[in-house]
Protein backbone atom coordinates (compact mmCIF):
# COMPACT_ATOMS: atom_id res chain seq x y z
CA MET A 1 -10.63 -5.30 -14.89
CA GLY A 2 -7.62 -4.84 -17.17
CA ARG A 3 -4.77 -7.14 -16.23
CA VAL A 4 -6.69 -8.67 -13.34
CA VAL A 5 -6.86 -12.41 -13.80
CA VAL A 6 -9.81 -14.06 -12.11
CA ARG A 7 -8.84 -17.72 -12.39
CA MET A 8 -6.80 -19.15 -9.50
CA LYS A 9 -5.17 -21.72 -11.82
CA THR A 10 -3.76 -18.94 -14.01
CA MET A 11 -2.41 -17.08 -10.97
CA VAL A 12 -0.66 -20.13 -9.55
CA SER A 13 0.76 -20.98 -12.98
CA LYS A 14 2.17 -17.45 -13.36
CA LEU A 15 3.70 -17.59 -9.86
CA HIS A 16 5.35 -20.92 -10.72
CA GLU A 17 6.80 -19.30 -13.86
CA GLU A 18 8.19 -16.44 -11.76
CA LYS A 19 9.67 -18.90 -9.28
CA GLU A 20 11.34 -20.83 -12.10
CA ARG A 21 12.72 -17.55 -13.45
CA LEU A 22 14.17 -16.55 -10.09
CA GLU A 23 15.72 -20.01 -9.65
CA ARG A 24 17.21 -19.96 -13.16
CA LEU A 25 18.30 -16.33 -13.41
CA GLY A 26 18.67 -15.26 -9.79
CA HIS A 27 15.97 -12.61 -10.07
CA SER A 28 13.69 -11.74 -7.18
CA CYS A 29 9.92 -11.74 -6.97
CA VAL A 30 7.64 -10.53 -4.22
CA ILE A 31 3.95 -11.21 -3.79
CA CYS A 32 1.45 -9.14 -1.88
CA MET A 33 -2.05 -9.95 -0.68
CA MET A 34 -4.50 -7.04 -0.45
CA ASP A 35 -7.85 -7.08 1.33
CA ILE A 36 -10.24 -4.13 1.16
CA ASP A 37 -11.04 -3.22 4.75
CA HIS A 38 -14.65 -3.63 5.92
CA PHE A 39 -15.85 -4.39 2.41
CA LYS A 40 -18.93 -6.24 3.67
CA GLN A 41 -20.20 -2.94 5.09
CA ILE A 42 -20.17 -1.46 1.59
CA ASN A 43 -22.36 -4.27 0.29
CA ASP A 44 -24.59 -4.04 3.38
CA ASN A 45 -24.89 -0.22 3.43
CA TYR A 46 -25.27 0.22 -0.32
CA ASP A 47 -25.74 -2.82 -2.56
CA HIS A 48 -23.70 -5.40 -4.45
CA ARG A 49 -23.62 -3.27 -7.58
CA THR A 50 -21.95 -0.51 -5.59
CA GLY A 51 -19.62 -3.12 -4.11
CA ASP A 52 -18.65 -4.22 -7.62
CA LEU A 53 -17.98 -0.60 -8.59
CA VAL A 54 -15.75 -0.17 -5.53
CA LEU A 55 -13.84 -3.36 -6.37
CA LYS A 56 -13.28 -2.20 -9.94
CA SER A 57 -12.24 1.29 -8.81
CA VAL A 58 -9.75 -0.06 -6.26
CA VAL A 59 -8.23 -2.52 -8.73
CA ASP A 60 -7.98 0.15 -11.44
CA PHE A 61 -6.28 2.47 -8.94
CA CYS A 62 -3.83 -0.25 -7.90
CA ARG A 63 -3.12 -1.25 -11.50
CA ASP A 64 -2.40 2.37 -12.40
CA SER A 65 -0.13 2.73 -9.35
CA LEU A 66 1.98 -0.38 -9.97
CA ARG A 67 4.56 -1.01 -12.66
CA LYS A 68 3.34 -2.08 -16.11
CA TYR A 69 4.80 -5.58 -15.72
CA ASP A 70 3.32 -6.25 -12.25
CA SER A 71 0.24 -8.46 -12.16
CA ILE A 72 -2.94 -8.35 -10.10
CA TYR A 73 -5.04 -11.47 -9.55
CA ARG A 74 -8.38 -11.81 -7.85
CA TYR A 75 -7.79 -14.19 -4.98
CA GLY A 76 -11.35 -14.24 -3.68
CA GLY A 77 -14.08 -11.83 -2.65
CA GLU A 78 -12.32 -8.55 -1.94
CA GLU A 79 -8.85 -10.12 -1.74
CA PHE A 80 -6.29 -9.67 -4.48
CA LEU A 81 -2.76 -10.95 -4.99
CA PHE A 82 -0.10 -8.79 -6.61
CA CYS A 83 2.97 -10.31 -8.27
CA LEU A 84 5.90 -7.91 -8.37
CA PRO A 85 8.88 -9.43 -10.22
CA ASP A 86 12.38 -7.99 -10.18
CA ALA A 87 11.96 -6.23 -6.83
CA ASP A 88 13.08 -7.15 -3.35
CA GLN A 89 10.91 -7.10 -0.25
CA GLY A 90 12.21 -3.73 0.93
CA GLU A 91 11.41 -2.08 -2.41
CA VAL A 92 7.96 -3.64 -2.48
CA GLU A 93 7.24 -2.54 1.07
CA VAL A 94 7.91 1.08 0.03
CA ILE A 95 5.80 0.72 -3.13
CA ILE A 96 2.87 -0.86 -1.29
CA GLU A 97 3.02 1.58 1.62
CA ARG A 98 2.81 4.45 -0.87
CA LEU A 99 -0.09 2.69 -2.62
CA ARG A 100 -1.88 2.09 0.71
CA ALA A 101 -1.65 5.75 1.71
CA ALA A 102 -2.74 7.01 -1.73
CA LEU A 103 -5.69 4.60 -1.84
CA ALA A 104 -6.95 5.89 1.52
CA ARG A 105 -6.99 9.42 0.05
CA HIS A 106 -8.56 8.39 -3.26
CA PRO A 107 -12.31 9.11 -3.38
CA ILE A 108 -14.53 6.72 -5.31
CA THR A 109 -17.50 8.43 -6.92
CA LEU A 110 -20.68 6.39 -6.71
CA PRO A 111 -23.48 6.52 -9.32
CA ASN A 112 -25.57 8.73 -6.98
CA GLY A 113 -22.74 11.30 -6.90
CA GLU A 114 -21.70 10.41 -3.35
CA SER A 115 -17.99 9.93 -2.64
CA LEU A 116 -16.68 6.95 -0.73
CA SER A 117 -13.19 6.33 0.60
CA VAL A 118 -11.82 2.89 1.35
CA THR A 119 -8.71 1.52 2.99
CA ALA A 120 -6.95 -1.77 2.49
CA SER A 121 -4.62 -4.06 4.39
CA PHE A 122 -1.59 -5.66 2.74
CA GLY A 123 0.61 -8.68 3.43
CA ILE A 124 3.95 -9.09 1.66
CA ALA A 125 6.12 -12.19 1.18
CA THR A 126 9.04 -13.08 -1.08
CA LEU A 127 8.99 -16.01 -3.46
CA ARG A 128 11.93 -18.18 -2.43
CA LYS A 129 13.71 -21.13 -4.02
CA GLU A 130 13.44 -23.24 -0.89
CA ILE A 131 9.68 -22.99 -0.35
CA SER A 132 6.73 -23.77 -2.57
CA VAL A 133 4.63 -21.14 -4.32
CA GLU A 134 1.66 -22.25 -2.21
CA ASP A 135 3.66 -21.73 1.00
CA SER A 136 4.69 -18.27 -0.24
CA ILE A 137 1.03 -17.40 -0.84
CA GLN A 138 0.25 -18.63 2.66
CA ALA A 139 3.08 -16.48 4.07
CA ALA A 140 1.63 -13.40 2.32
CA ASP A 141 -1.79 -14.34 3.68
CA HIS A 142 -0.36 -14.62 7.22
CA ALA A 143 1.25 -11.20 6.82
CA LEU A 144 -2.13 -9.86 5.66
CA LEU A 145 -3.76 -11.34 8.75
CA CYS A 146 -1.12 -9.58 10.84
CA ALA A 147 -2.02 -6.26 9.17
CA LYS A 148 -5.70 -6.81 9.86
CA THR A 149 -5.05 -7.85 13.46
CA LYS A 150 -2.98 -4.71 14.05
CA GLY A 151 -5.92 -2.50 13.08
CA ARG A 152 -6.16 -2.68 9.27
CA ASP A 153 -5.08 0.00 6.78
CA ARG A 154 -1.45 -1.09 7.06
CA VAL A 155 1.28 -3.15 5.45
CA CYS A 156 2.93 -6.13 7.13
CA CYS A 157 5.79 -8.21 5.76
CA TRP A 158 6.33 -11.90 6.33
CA ASP A 159 9.77 -12.91 7.47
CA ASP A 160 11.08 -16.19 8.76
CA GLU A 161 10.83 -14.98 12.34
CA PHE A 162 7.00 -14.79 12.38
């Protein structure tokens, strides 16, 4: 899956590096959790091979839509974490909203020739000096839960007022 890193340890290590960089150099870094909406239905209505194809297609689409130096990590199942260094939360919200809308319009061609469209929900949080990487991941996860609770196929941002 290209730059997708499967191991959680590698993801957390990379996020710690980004946090150290923002502390040292004053740069910004935003993370984003993505969950493919109703993914279980794909596995149930088709099969796990089709589900794997959909996962690969979605990740390839996201990778091609993000900047070359952004990273995508498999967080679990159909959840992925994006690391977007050198961008603030407002910029990332625009980038991810554009990605969300484009993904919903992007057909995935299945081996039988059928086309399938998927949507995804996104939760955004900023890595901050004063909170741990793990708490930042949890904030992005809470923002993702907010997006799913509000009906899915949307972007929610974590802020300190949640």
